[in-house]
Amino acid sequence: MAFSGTLKDADVTAALEACKADGTFEYKKFFATCGLASKSGEELKKAFEIIDQDKSGFIEEEELKLFLQNFKAGARALTDAETSAFLKAGDTDGDGKIGAQEFSDMVKA
């Protein structure tokens, strides 16, 4: 798991279980349950770097769609509606992607 040592396995499992069915992903609940919401700015920067699969400095729509798979291999992909809502929530400057500060702000909100 990409977040081993940063997040507790039991918390990640609980967070993934809570959004197992299509249409049930709520980013605020997920961040709180998995433990990301309580992490420091530096830890959130590392989390951002894990999720930014192509290392572009941004989390784009395709990376958001596969967001849950960063926490556990084989986790489901987000639905198009979930991905869209997630992107809209995090993309405060309207450029169609989520930067590191936007990600940190979204996790801490």
PDB file of N, CA and C in Angstrom:
ATOM      1  N   MET A   1       0.839  -1.181   0.000  1.00  0.00           N
ATOM      2  CA  MET A   1       0.000   0.000   0.000  1.00  0.00           C
ATOM      3  C   MET A   1       0.884   1.245   0.000  1.00  0.00           C
ATOM      4  N   ALA A   2       0.548   2.183  -0.840  1.00  0.00           N
ATOM      5  CA  ALA A   2       1.348   3.395  -0.997  1.00  0.00           C
ATOM      6  C   ALA A   2       1.414   4.238   0.269  1.00  0.00           C
ATOM      7  N   PHE A   3       0.408   4.108   1.112  1.00  0.00           N
ATOM      8  CA  PHE A   3       0.352   4.932   2.317  1.00  0.00           C
ATOM      9  C   PHE A   3       0.796   4.188   3.575  1.00  0.00           C
ATOM     10  N   SER A   4       1.437   3.031   3.420  1.00  0.00           N
ATOM     11  CA  SER A   4       1.939   2.292   4.579  1.00  0.00           C
ATOM     12  C   SER A   4       2.887   3.171   5.365  1.00  0.00           C
ATOM     13  N   GLY A   5       2.744   3.149   6.681  1.00  0.00           N
ATOM     14  CA  GLY A   5       3.603   3.958   7.529  1.00  0.00           C
ATOM     15  C   GLY A   5       3.063   5.352   7.753  1.00  0.00           C
ATOM     16  N   THR A   6       2.178   5.804   6.876  1.00  0.00           N
ATOM     17  CA  THR A   6       1.572   7.124   7.013  1.00  0.00           C
ATOM     18  C   THR A   6       0.169   6.999   7.586  1.00  0.00           C
ATOM     19  N   LEU A   7      -0.589   6.054   7.057  1.00  0.00           N
ATOM     20  CA  LEU A   7      -1.959   5.820   7.504  1.00  0.00           C
ATOM     21  C   LEU A   7      -2.063   4.419   8.087  1.00  0.00           C
ATOM     22  N   LYS A   8      -2.968   4.246   9.025  1.00  0.00           N
ATOM     23  CA  LYS A   8      -3.188   2.929   9.618  1.00  0.00           C
ATOM     24  C   LYS A   8      -3.990   2.069   8.652  1.00  0.00           C
ATOM     25  N   ASP A   9      -3.545   0.829   8.466  1.00  0.00           N
ATOM     26  CA  ASP A   9      -4.242  -0.090   7.556  1.00  0.00           C
ATOM     27  C   ASP A   9      -5.717  -0.219   7.901  1.00  0.00           C
ATOM     28  N   ALA A  10      -6.032  -0.305   9.182  1.00  0.00           N
ATOM     29  CA  ALA A  10      -7.434  -0.463   9.605  1.00  0.00           C
ATOM     30  C   ALA A  10      -8.272   0.747   9.213  1.00  0.00           C
ATOM     31  N   ASP A  11      -7.686   1.940   9.304  1.00  0.00           N
ATOM     32  CA  ASP A  11      -8.409   3.166   8.923  1.00  0.00           C
ATOM     33  C   ASP A  11      -8.658   3.199   7.419  1.00  0.00           C
ATOM     34  N   VAL A  12      -7.649   2.825   6.649  1.00  0.00           N
ATOM     35  CA  VAL A  12      -7.792   2.797   5.192  1.00  0.00           C
ATOM     36  C   VAL A  12      -8.855   1.772   4.798  1.00  0.00           C
ATOM     37  N   THR A  13      -8.808   0.605   5.414  1.00  0.00           N
ATOM     38  CA  THR A  13      -9.797  -0.440   5.136  1.00  0.00           C
ATOM     39  C   THR A  13     -11.205   0.063   5.448  1.00  0.00           C
ATOM     40  N   ALA A  14     -11.383   0.719   6.580  1.00  0.00           N
ATOM     41  CA  ALA A  14     -12.698   1.259   6.967  1.00  0.00           C
ATOM     42  C   ALA A  14     -13.168   2.315   5.974  1.00  0.00           C
ATOM     43  N   ALA A  15     -12.258   3.179   5.547  1.00  0.00           N
ATOM     44  CA  ALA A  15     -12.612   4.236   4.596  1.00  0.00           C
ATOM     45  C   ALA A  15     -13.032   3.647   3.256  1.00  0.00           C
ATOM     46  N   LEU A  16     -12.297   2.647   2.787  1.00  0.00           N
ATOM     47  CA  LEU A  16     -12.621   1.999   1.513  1.00  0.00           C
ATOM     48  C   LEU A  16     -13.932   1.220   1.614  1.00  0.00           C
ATOM     49  N   GLU A  17     -14.157   0.584   2.739  1.00  0.00           N
ATOM     50  CA  GLU A  17     -15.395  -0.185   2.949  1.00  0.00           C
ATOM     51  C   GLU A  17     -16.609   0.738   2.910  1.00  0.00           C
ATOM     52  N   ALA A  18     -16.460   1.947   3.469  1.00  0.00           N
ATOM     53  CA  ALA A  18     -17.569   2.900   3.534  1.00  0.00           C
ATOM     54  C   ALA A  18     -17.994   3.426   2.161  1.00  0.00           C
ATOM     55  N   CYS A  19     -17.110   3.309   1.175  1.00  0.00           N
ATOM     56  CA  CYS A  19     -17.447   3.819  -0.161  1.00  0.00           C
ATOM     57  C   CYS A  19     -17.308   2.724  -1.220  1.00  0.00           C
ATOM     58  N   LYS A  20     -17.549   1.504  -0.803  1.00  0.00           N
ATOM     59  CA  LYS A  20     -17.382   0.343  -1.685  1.00  0.00           C
ATOM     60  C   LYS A  20     -18.368   0.348  -2.859  1.00  0.00           C
ATOM     61  N   ALA A  21     -19.586   0.766  -2.601  1.00  0.00           N
ATOM     62  CA  ALA A  21     -20.606   0.774  -3.653  1.00  0.00           C
ATOM     63  C   ALA A  21     -20.501   2.034  -4.507  1.00  0.00           C
ATOM     64  N   ASP A  22     -20.763   1.889  -5.797  1.00  0.00           N
ATOM     65  CA  ASP A  22     -20.774   3.044  -6.691  1.00  0.00           C
ATOM     66  C   ASP A  22     -21.713   4.118  -6.148  1.00  0.00           C
ATOM     67  N   GLY A  23     -21.262   5.358  -6.214  1.00  0.00           N
ATOM     68  CA  GLY A  23     -22.088   6.478  -5.806  1.00  0.00           C
ATOM     69  C   GLY A  23     -22.020   6.809  -4.323  1.00  0.00           C
ATOM     70  N   THR A  24     -21.181   6.106  -3.567  1.00  0.00           N
ATOM     71  CA  THR A  24     -21.126   6.330  -2.119  1.00  0.00           C
ATOM     72  C   THR A  24     -19.867   7.065  -1.658  1.00  0.00           C
ATOM     73  N   PHE A  25     -19.001   7.469  -2.589  1.00  0.00           N
ATOM     74  CA  PHE A  25     -17.765   8.155  -2.206  1.00  0.00           C
ATOM     75  C   PHE A  25     -18.061   9.596  -1.810  1.00  0.00           C
ATOM     76  N   GLU A  26     -17.679   9.951  -0.590  1.00  0.00           N
ATOM     77  CA  GLU A  26     -17.769  11.326  -0.094  1.00  0.00           C
ATOM     78  C   GLU A  26     -16.366  11.705   0.377  1.00  0.00           C
ATOM     79  N   TYR A  27     -15.726  12.618  -0.323  1.00  0.00           N
ATOM     80  CA  TYR A  27     -14.315  12.892  -0.052  1.00  0.00           C
ATOM     81  C   TYR A  27     -14.050  13.340   1.381  1.00  0.00           C
ATOM     82  N   LYS A  28     -14.916  14.172   1.966  1.00  0.00           N
ATOM     83  CA  LYS A  28     -14.685  14.640   3.340  1.00  0.00           C
ATOM     84  C   LYS A  28     -14.711  13.470   4.319  1.00  0.00           C
ATOM     85  N   LYS A  29     -15.695  12.608   4.156  1.00  0.00           N
ATOM     86  CA  LYS A  29     -15.813  11.437   5.026  1.00  0.00           C
ATOM     87  C   LYS A  29     -14.605  10.513   4.819  1.00  0.00           C
ATOM     88  N   PHE A  30     -14.203  10.340   3.561  1.00  0.00           N
ATOM     89  CA  PHE A  30     -13.065   9.473   3.265  1.00  0.00           C
ATOM     90  C   PHE A  30     -11.791  10.007   3.910  1.00  0.00           C
ATOM     91  N   PHE A  31     -11.517  11.304   3.751  1.00  0.00           N
ATOM     92  CA  PHE A  31     -10.305  11.900   4.327  1.00  0.00           C
ATOM     93  C   PHE A  31     -10.292  11.767   5.849  1.00  0.00           C
ATOM     94  N   ALA A  32     -11.447  11.933   6.480  1.00  0.00           N
ATOM     95  CA  ALA A  32     -11.524  11.812   7.939  1.00  0.00           C
ATOM     96  C   ALA A  32     -11.327  10.359   8.377  1.00  0.00           C
ATOM     97  N   THR A  33     -12.006   9.438   7.706  1.00  0.00           N
ATOM     98  CA  THR A  33     -11.962   8.028   8.112  1.00  0.00           C
ATOM     99  C   THR A  33     -10.584   7.412   7.904  1.00  0.00           C
ATOM    100  N   CYS A  34      -9.940   7.716   6.782  1.00  0.00           N
ATOM    101  CA  CYS A  34      -8.633   7.105   6.513  1.00  0.00           C
ATOM    102  C   CYS A  34      -7.513   7.759   7.308  1.00  0.00           C
ATOM    103  N   GLY A  35      -7.769   8.949   7.852  1.00  0.00           N
ATOM    104  CA  GLY A  35      -6.776   9.618   8.678  1.00  0.00           C
ATOM    105  C   GLY A  35      -6.016  10.744   8.000  1.00  0.00           C
ATOM    106  N   LEU A  36      -6.270  10.975   6.722  1.00  0.00           N
ATOM    107  CA  LEU A  36      -5.547  12.055   6.023  1.00  0.00           C
ATOM    108  C   LEU A  36      -5.865  13.428   6.607  1.00  0.00           C
ATOM    109  N   ALA A  37      -7.100  13.630   7.048  1.00  0.00           N
ATOM    110  CA  ALA A  37      -7.520  14.948   7.540  1.00  0.00           C
ATOM    111  C   ALA A  37      -6.705  15.405   8.750  1.00  0.00           C
ATOM    112  N   SER A  38      -6.120  14.468   9.470  1.00  0.00           N
ATOM    113  CA  SER A  38      -5.356  14.838  10.672  1.00  0.00           C
ATOM    114  C   SER A  38      -3.852  14.932  10.417  1.00  0.00           C
ATOM    115  N   LYS A  39      -3.446  14.814   9.173  1.00  0.00           N
ATOM    116  CA  LYS A  39      -2.015  14.824   8.853  1.00  0.00           C
ATOM    117  C   LYS A  39      -1.475  16.242   8.689  1.00  0.00           C
ATOM    118  N   SER A  40      -0.176  16.372   8.847  1.00  0.00           N
ATOM    119  CA  SER A  40       0.498  17.668   8.720  1.00  0.00           C
ATOM    120  C   SER A  40       0.587  18.080   7.249  1.00  0.00           C
ATOM    121  N   GLY A  41       0.941  19.330   7.041  1.00  0.00           N
ATOM    122  CA  GLY A  41       1.124  19.836   5.684  1.00  0.00           C
ATOM    123  C   GLY A  41       2.157  19.044   4.898  1.00  0.00           C
ATOM    124  N   GLU A  42       3.234  18.671   5.567  1.00  0.00           N
ATOM    125  CA  GLU A  42       4.296  17.896   4.910  1.00  0.00           C
ATOM    126  C   GLU A  42       3.796  16.509   4.522  1.00  0.00           C
ATOM    127  N   GLU A  43       3.018  15.893   5.404  1.00  0.00           N
ATOM    128  CA  GLU A  43       2.459  14.567   5.103  1.00  0.00           C
ATOM    129  C   GLU A  43       1.442  14.649   3.960  1.00  0.00           C
ATOM    130  N   LEU A  44       0.686  15.730   3.916  1.00  0.00           N
ATOM    131  CA  LEU A  44      -0.278  15.904   2.819  1.00  0.00           C
ATOM    132  C   LEU A  44       0.440  16.137   1.497  1.00  0.00           C
ATOM    133  N   LYS A  45       1.587  16.802   1.554  1.00  0.00           N
ATOM    134  CA  LYS A  45       2.383  16.995   0.340  1.00  0.00           C
ATOM    135  C   LYS A  45       2.838  15.629  -0.203  1.00  0.00           C
ATOM    136  N   LYS A  46       3.261  14.749   0.694  1.00  0.00           N
ATOM    137  CA  LYS A  46       3.679  13.404   0.273  1.00  0.00           C
ATOM    138  C   LYS A  46       2.487  12.629  -0.305  1.00  0.00           C
ATOM    139  N   ALA A  47       1.329  12.770   0.326  1.00  0.00           N
ATOM    140  CA  ALA A  47       0.120  12.108  -0.173  1.00  0.00           C
ATOM    141  C   ALA A  47      -0.215  12.613  -1.573  1.00  0.00           C
ATOM    142  N   PHE A  48      -0.115  13.922  -1.760  1.00  0.00           N
ATOM    143  CA  PHE A  48      -0.370  14.521  -3.074  1.00  0.00           C
ATOM    144  C   PHE A  48       0.566  13.914  -4.124  1.00  0.00           C
ATOM    145  N   GLU A  49       1.825  13.771  -3.775  1.00  0.00           N
ATOM    146  CA  GLU A  49       2.813  13.228  -4.714  1.00  0.00           C
ATOM    147  C   GLU A  49       2.508  11.778  -5.092  1.00  0.00           C
ATOM    148  N   ILE A  50       1.938  11.015  -4.159  1.00  0.00           N
ATOM    149  CA  ILE A  50       1.540   9.637  -4.462  1.00  0.00           C
ATOM    150  C   ILE A  50       0.373   9.628  -5.446  1.00  0.00           C
ATOM    151  N   ILE A  51      -0.596  10.487  -5.203  1.00  0.00           N
ATOM    152  CA  ILE A  51      -1.806  10.528  -6.035  1.00  0.00           C
ATOM    153  C   ILE A  51      -1.510  11.123  -7.410  1.00  0.00           C
ATOM    154  N   ASP A  52      -0.555  12.035  -7.494  1.00  0.00           N
ATOM    155  CA  ASP A  52      -0.141  12.641  -8.773  1.00  0.00           C
ATOM    156  C   ASP A  52       0.712  11.627  -9.531  1.00  0.00           C
ATOM    157  N   GLN A  53       0.060  10.624 -10.091  1.00  0.00           N
ATOM    158  CA  GLN A  53       0.737   9.495 -10.733  1.00  0.00           C
ATOM    159  C   GLN A  53       1.690   9.899 -11.856  1.00  0.00           C
ATOM    160  N   ASP A  54       1.312  10.889 -12.651  1.00  0.00           N
ATOM    161  CA  ASP A  54       2.166  11.276 -13.783  1.00  0.00           C
ATOM    162  C   ASP A  54       3.200  12.350 -13.420  1.00  0.00           C
ATOM    163  N   LYS A  55       3.223  12.728 -12.145  1.00  0.00           N
ATOM    164  CA  LYS A  55       4.204  13.698 -11.629  1.00  0.00           C
ATOM    165  C   LYS A  55       4.154  15.038 -12.361  1.00  0.00           C
ATOM    166  N   SER A  56       2.940  15.451 -12.743  1.00  0.00           N
ATOM    167  CA  SER A  56       2.761  16.711 -13.460  1.00  0.00           C
ATOM    168  C   SER A  56       2.676  17.903 -12.513  1.00  0.00           C
ATOM    169  N   GLY A  57       2.543  17.631 -11.216  1.00  0.00           N
ATOM    170  CA  GLY A  57       2.356  18.717 -10.256  1.00  0.00           C
ATOM    171  C   GLY A  57       0.881  19.017 -10.031  1.00  0.00           C
ATOM    172  N   PHE A  58       0.023  18.235 -10.662  1.00  0.00           N
ATOM    173  CA  PHE A  58      -1.419  18.394 -10.527  1.00  0.00           C
ATOM    174  C   PHE A  58      -2.077  17.025 -10.494  1.00  0.00           C
ATOM    175  N   ILE A  59      -3.239  16.968  -9.857  1.00  0.00           N
ATOM    176  CA  ILE A  59      -4.062  15.761  -9.919  1.00  0.00           C
ATOM    177  C   ILE A  59      -5.154  16.049 -10.940  1.00  0.00           C
ATOM    178  N   GLU A  60      -5.091  15.335 -12.046  1.00  0.00           N
ATOM    179  CA  GLU A  60      -6.068  15.524 -13.110  1.00  0.00           C
ATOM    180  C   GLU A  60      -7.220  14.537 -12.965  1.00  0.00           C
ATOM    181  N   GLU A  61      -8.230  14.713 -13.797  1.00  0.00           N
ATOM    182  CA  GLU A  61      -9.451  13.920 -13.722  1.00  0.00           C
ATOM    183  C   GLU A  61      -9.191  12.414 -13.752  1.00  0.00           C
ATOM    184  N   GLU A  62      -8.325  11.951 -14.631  1.00  0.00           N
ATOM    185  CA  GLU A  62      -8.063  10.511 -14.733  1.00  0.00           C
ATOM    186  C   GLU A  62      -7.422   9.974 -13.450  1.00  0.00           C
ATOM    187  N   GLU A  63      -6.560  10.776 -12.834  1.00  0.00           N
ATOM    188  CA  GLU A  63      -5.941  10.365 -11.571  1.00  0.00           C
ATOM    189  C   GLU A  63      -6.975  10.340 -10.441  1.00  0.00           C
ATOM    190  N   LEU A  64      -7.939  11.259 -10.486  1.00  0.00           N
ATOM    191  CA  LEU A  64      -9.001  11.256  -9.484  1.00  0.00           C
ATOM    192  C   LEU A  64      -9.892  10.031  -9.636  1.00  0.00           C
ATOM    193  N   LYS A  65     -10.153   9.659 -10.867  1.00  0.00           N
ATOM    194  CA  LYS A  65     -11.003   8.489 -11.131  1.00  0.00           C
ATOM    195  C   LYS A  65     -10.411   7.247 -10.442  1.00  0.00           C
ATOM    196  N   LEU A  66      -9.091   7.155 -10.433  1.00  0.00           N
ATOM    197  CA  LEU A  66      -8.402   6.005  -9.846  1.00  0.00           C
ATOM    198  C   LEU A  66      -7.907   6.285  -8.421  1.00  0.00           C
ATOM    199  N   PHE A  67      -8.417   7.342  -7.820  1.00  0.00           N
ATOM    200  CA  PHE A  67      -7.995   7.811  -6.499  1.00  0.00           C
ATOM    201  C   PHE A  67      -7.941   6.701  -5.453  1.00  0.00           C
ATOM    202  N   LEU A  68      -8.983   5.901  -5.338  1.00  0.00           N
ATOM    203  CA  LEU A  68      -9.062   4.880  -4.288  1.00  0.00           C
ATOM    204  C   LEU A  68      -7.988   3.818  -4.444  1.00  0.00           C
ATOM    205  N   GLN A  69      -7.539   3.593  -5.675  1.00  0.00           N
ATOM    206  CA  GLN A  69      -6.527   2.563  -5.927  1.00  0.00           C
ATOM    207  C   GLN A  69      -5.164   2.947  -5.361  1.00  0.00           C
ATOM    208  N   ASN A  70      -4.974   4.222  -5.031  1.00  0.00           N
ATOM    209  CA  ASN A  70      -3.742   4.644  -4.355  1.00  0.00           C
ATOM    210  C   ASN A  70      -3.695   4.115  -2.930  1.00  0.00           C
ATOM    211  N   PHE A  71      -4.843   3.810  -2.379  1.00  0.00           N
ATOM    212  CA  PHE A  71      -4.939   3.355  -1.001  1.00  0.00           C
ATOM    213  C   PHE A  71      -4.921   1.836  -0.891  1.00  0.00           C
ATOM    214  N   LYS A  72      -5.425   1.162  -1.924  1.00  0.00           N
ATOM    215  CA  LYS A  72      -5.395  -0.300  -1.937  1.00  0.00           C
ATOM    216  C   LYS A  72      -5.551  -0.788  -3.367  1.00  0.00           C
ATOM    217  N   ALA A  73      -4.629  -1.631  -3.785  1.00  0.00           N
ATOM    218  CA  ALA A  73      -4.713  -2.211  -5.129  1.00  0.00           C
ATOM    219  C   ALA A  73      -6.036  -2.948  -5.258  1.00  0.00           C
ATOM    220  N   GLY A  74      -6.674  -2.789  -6.385  1.00  0.00           N
ATOM    221  CA  GLY A  74      -7.928  -3.477  -6.627  1.00  0.00           C
ATOM    222  C   GLY A  74      -9.149  -2.723  -6.136  1.00  0.00           C
ATOM    223  N   ALA A  75      -8.946  -1.571  -5.480  1.00  0.00           N
ATOM    224  CA  ALA A  75     -10.098  -0.762  -5.061  1.00  0.00           C
ATOM    225  C   ALA A  75     -10.818  -0.271  -6.315  1.00  0.00           C
ATOM    226  N   ARG A  76     -12.087   0.018  -6.166  1.00  0.00           N
ATOM    227  CA  ARG A  76     -12.877   0.411  -7.338  1.00  0.00           C
ATOM    228  C   ARG A  76     -12.470   1.788  -7.862  1.00  0.00           C
ATOM    229  N   ALA A  77     -12.774   2.017  -9.117  1.00  0.00           N
ATOM    230  CA  ALA A  77     -12.612   3.349  -9.703  1.00  0.00           C
ATOM    231  C   ALA A  77     -13.835   4.172  -9.310  1.00  0.00           C
ATOM    232  N   LEU A  78     -13.652   5.464  -9.186  1.00  0.00           N
ATOM    233  CA  LEU A  78     -14.789   6.337  -8.912  1.00  0.00           C
ATOM    234  C   LEU A  78     -15.663   6.419 -10.155  1.00  0.00           C
ATOM    235  N   THR A  79     -16.943   6.615  -9.958  1.00  0.00           N
ATOM    236  CA  THR A  79     -17.844   6.796 -11.089  1.00  0.00           C
ATOM    237  C   THR A  79     -17.557   8.164 -11.719  1.00  0.00           C
ATOM    238  N   ASP A  80     -18.073   8.384 -12.917  1.00  0.00           N
ATOM    239  CA  ASP A  80     -17.883   9.687 -13.567  1.00  0.00           C
ATOM    240  C   ASP A  80     -18.479  10.807 -12.717  1.00  0.00           C
ATOM    241  N   ALA A  81     -19.648  10.562 -12.121  1.00  0.00           N
ATOM    242  CA  ALA A  81     -20.295  11.578 -11.287  1.00  0.00           C
ATOM    243  C   ALA A  81     -19.466  11.873 -10.035  1.00  0.00           C
ATOM    244  N   GLU A  82     -18.934  10.829  -9.405  1.00  0.00           N
ATOM    245  CA  GLU A  82     -18.099  11.017  -8.214  1.00  0.00           C
ATOM    246  C   GLU A  82     -16.821  11.767  -8.567  1.00  0.00           C
ATOM    247  N   THR A  83     -16.213  11.386  -9.686  1.00  0.00           N
ATOM    248  CA  THR A  83     -14.977  12.038 -10.138  1.00  0.00           C
ATOM    249  C   THR A  83     -15.230  13.518 -10.401  1.00  0.00           C
ATOM    250  N   SER A  84     -16.320  13.811 -11.079  1.00  0.00           N
ATOM    251  CA  SER A  84     -16.687  15.194 -11.404  1.00  0.00           C
ATOM    252  C   SER A  84     -16.906  16.022 -10.140  1.00  0.00           C
ATOM    253  N   ALA A  85     -17.646  15.475  -9.188  1.00  0.00           N
ATOM    254  CA  ALA A  85     -17.917  16.187  -7.936  1.00  0.00           C
ATOM    255  C   ALA A  85     -16.633  16.405  -7.142  1.00  0.00           C
ATOM    256  N   PHE A  86     -15.767  15.412  -7.132  1.00  0.00           N
ATOM    257  CA  PHE A  86     -14.486  15.475  -6.427  1.00  0.00           C
ATOM    258  C   PHE A  86     -13.615  16.571  -7.042  1.00  0.00           C
ATOM    259  N   LEU A  87     -13.527  16.588  -8.361  1.00  0.00           N
ATOM    260  CA  LEU A  87     -12.732  17.599  -9.061  1.00  0.00           C
ATOM    261  C   LEU A  87     -13.290  18.996  -8.804  1.00  0.00           C
ATOM    262  N   LYS A  88     -14.594  19.128  -8.894  1.00  0.00           N
ATOM    263  CA  LYS A  88     -15.230  20.428  -8.683  1.00  0.00           C
ATOM    264  C   LYS A  88     -14.958  20.945  -7.266  1.00  0.00           C
ATOM    265  N   ALA A  89     -14.985  20.041  -6.293  1.00  0.00           N
ATOM    266  CA  ALA A  89     -14.743  20.429  -4.895  1.00  0.00           C
ATOM    267  C   ALA A  89     -13.316  20.905  -4.669  1.00  0.00           C
ATOM    268  N   GLY A  90     -12.359  20.293  -5.351  1.00  0.00           N
ATOM    269  CA  GLY A  90     -10.960  20.618  -5.119  1.00  0.00           C
ATOM    270  C   GLY A  90     -10.383  21.695  -6.009  1.00  0.00           C
ATOM    271  N   ASP A  91     -10.961  21.864  -7.182  1.00  0.00           N
ATOM    272  CA  ASP A  91     -10.426  22.792  -8.186  1.00  0.00           C
ATOM    273  C   ASP A  91     -10.950  24.201  -7.947  1.00  0.00           C
ATOM    274  N   THR A  92     -10.349  24.897  -6.992  1.00  0.00           N
ATOM    275  CA  THR A  92     -10.855  26.226  -6.622  1.00  0.00           C
ATOM    276  C   THR A  92     -10.500  27.319  -7.621  1.00  0.00           C
ATOM    277  N   ASP A  93      -9.468  27.114  -8.440  1.00  0.00           N
ATOM    278  CA  ASP A  93      -9.104  28.150  -9.415  1.00  0.00           C
ATOM    279  C   ASP A  93      -9.697  27.894 -10.804  1.00  0.00           C
ATOM    280  N   GLY A  94     -10.423  26.794 -10.961  1.00  0.00           N
ATOM    281  CA  GLY A  94     -11.137  26.530 -12.204  1.00  0.00           C
ATOM    282  C   GLY A  94     -10.290  26.109 -13.387  1.00  0.00           C
ATOM    283  N   ASP A  95      -9.072  25.584 -13.121  1.00  0.00           N
ATOM    284  CA  ASP A  95      -8.207  25.193 -14.245  1.00  0.00           C
ATOM    285  C   ASP A  95      -8.399  23.733 -14.662  1.00  0.00           C
ATOM    286  N   GLY A  96      -9.335  23.025 -14.031  1.00  0.00           N
ATOM    287  CA  GLY A  96      -9.624  21.656 -14.429  1.00  0.00           C
ATOM    288  C   GLY A  96      -8.724  20.602 -13.797  1.00  0.00           C
ATOM    289  N   LYS A  97      -7.964  21.010 -12.798  1.00  0.00           N
ATOM    290  CA  LYS A  97      -7.074  20.080 -12.106  1.00  0.00           C
ATOM    291  C   LYS A  97      -6.855  20.585 -10.689  1.00  0.00           C
ATOM    292  N   ILE A  98      -6.311  19.712  -9.845  1.00  0.00           N
ATOM    293  CA  ILE A  98      -6.110  20.065  -8.442  1.00  0.00           C
ATOM    294  C   ILE A  98      -4.616  20.161  -8.155  1.00  0.00           C
ATOM    295  N   GLY A  99      -4.186  21.339  -7.713  1.00  0.00           N
ATOM    296  CA  GLY A  99      -2.794  21.556  -7.337  1.00  0.00           C
ATOM    297  C   GLY A  99      -2.559  21.118  -5.897  1.00  0.00           C
ATOM    298  N   ALA A 100      -1.311  21.152  -5.477  1.00  0.00           N
ATOM    299  CA  ALA A 100      -0.945  20.689  -4.129  1.00  0.00           C
ATOM    300  C   ALA A 100      -1.647  21.493  -3.037  1.00  0.00           C
ATOM    301  N   GLN A 101      -1.704  22.802  -3.185  1.00  0.00           N
ATOM    302  CA  GLN A 101      -2.359  23.627  -2.162  1.00  0.00           C
ATOM    303  C   GLN A 101      -3.862  23.383  -2.156  1.00  0.00           C
ATOM    304  N   GLU A 102      -4.451  23.243  -3.334  1.00  0.00           N
ATOM    305  CA  GLU A 102      -5.881  22.950  -3.418  1.00  0.00           C
ATOM    306  C   GLU A 102      -6.188  21.612  -2.740  1.00  0.00           C
ATOM    307  N   PHE A 103      -5.319  20.627  -2.955  1.00  0.00           N
ATOM    308  CA  PHE A 103      -5.502  19.316  -2.340  1.00  0.00           C
ATOM    309  C   PHE A 103      -5.451  19.440  -0.820  1.00  0.00           C
ATOM    310  N   SER A 104      -4.442  20.113  -0.326  1.00  0.00           N
ATOM    311  CA  SER A 104      -4.270  20.295   1.113  1.00  0.00           C
ATOM    312  C   SER A 104      -5.486  21.028   1.705  1.00  0.00           C
ATOM    313  N   ASP A 105      -5.934  22.075   1.048  1.00  0.00           N
ATOM    314  CA  ASP A 105      -7.107  22.829   1.513  1.00  0.00           C
ATOM    315  C   ASP A 105      -8.349  21.943   1.544  1.00  0.00           C
ATOM    316  N   MET A 106      -8.504  21.099   0.527  1.00  0.00           N
ATOM    317  CA  MET A 106      -9.670  20.229   0.435  1.00  0.00           C
ATOM    318  C   MET A 106      -9.641  19.179   1.559  1.00  0.00           C
ATOM    319  N   VAL A 107      -8.474  18.622   1.820  1.00  0.00           N
ATOM    320  CA  VAL A 107      -8.355  17.597   2.879  1.00  0.00           C
ATOM    321  C   VAL A 107      -8.644  18.217   4.241  1.00  0.00           C
ATOM    322  N   LYS A 108      -8.174  19.434   4.466  1.00  0.00           N
ATOM    323  CA  LYS A 108      -8.319  20.091   5.764  1.00  0.00           C
ATOM    324  C   LYS A 108      -9.677  20.756   5.958  1.00  0.00           C
ATOM    325  N   ALA A 109     -10.461  20.899   4.884  1.00  0.00           N
ATOM    326  CA  ALA A 109     -11.762  21.608   4.969  1.00  0.00           C
ATOM    327  C   ALA A 109     -12.742  20.892   5.876  1.00  0.00           C
TER     328      ALA A 109
END
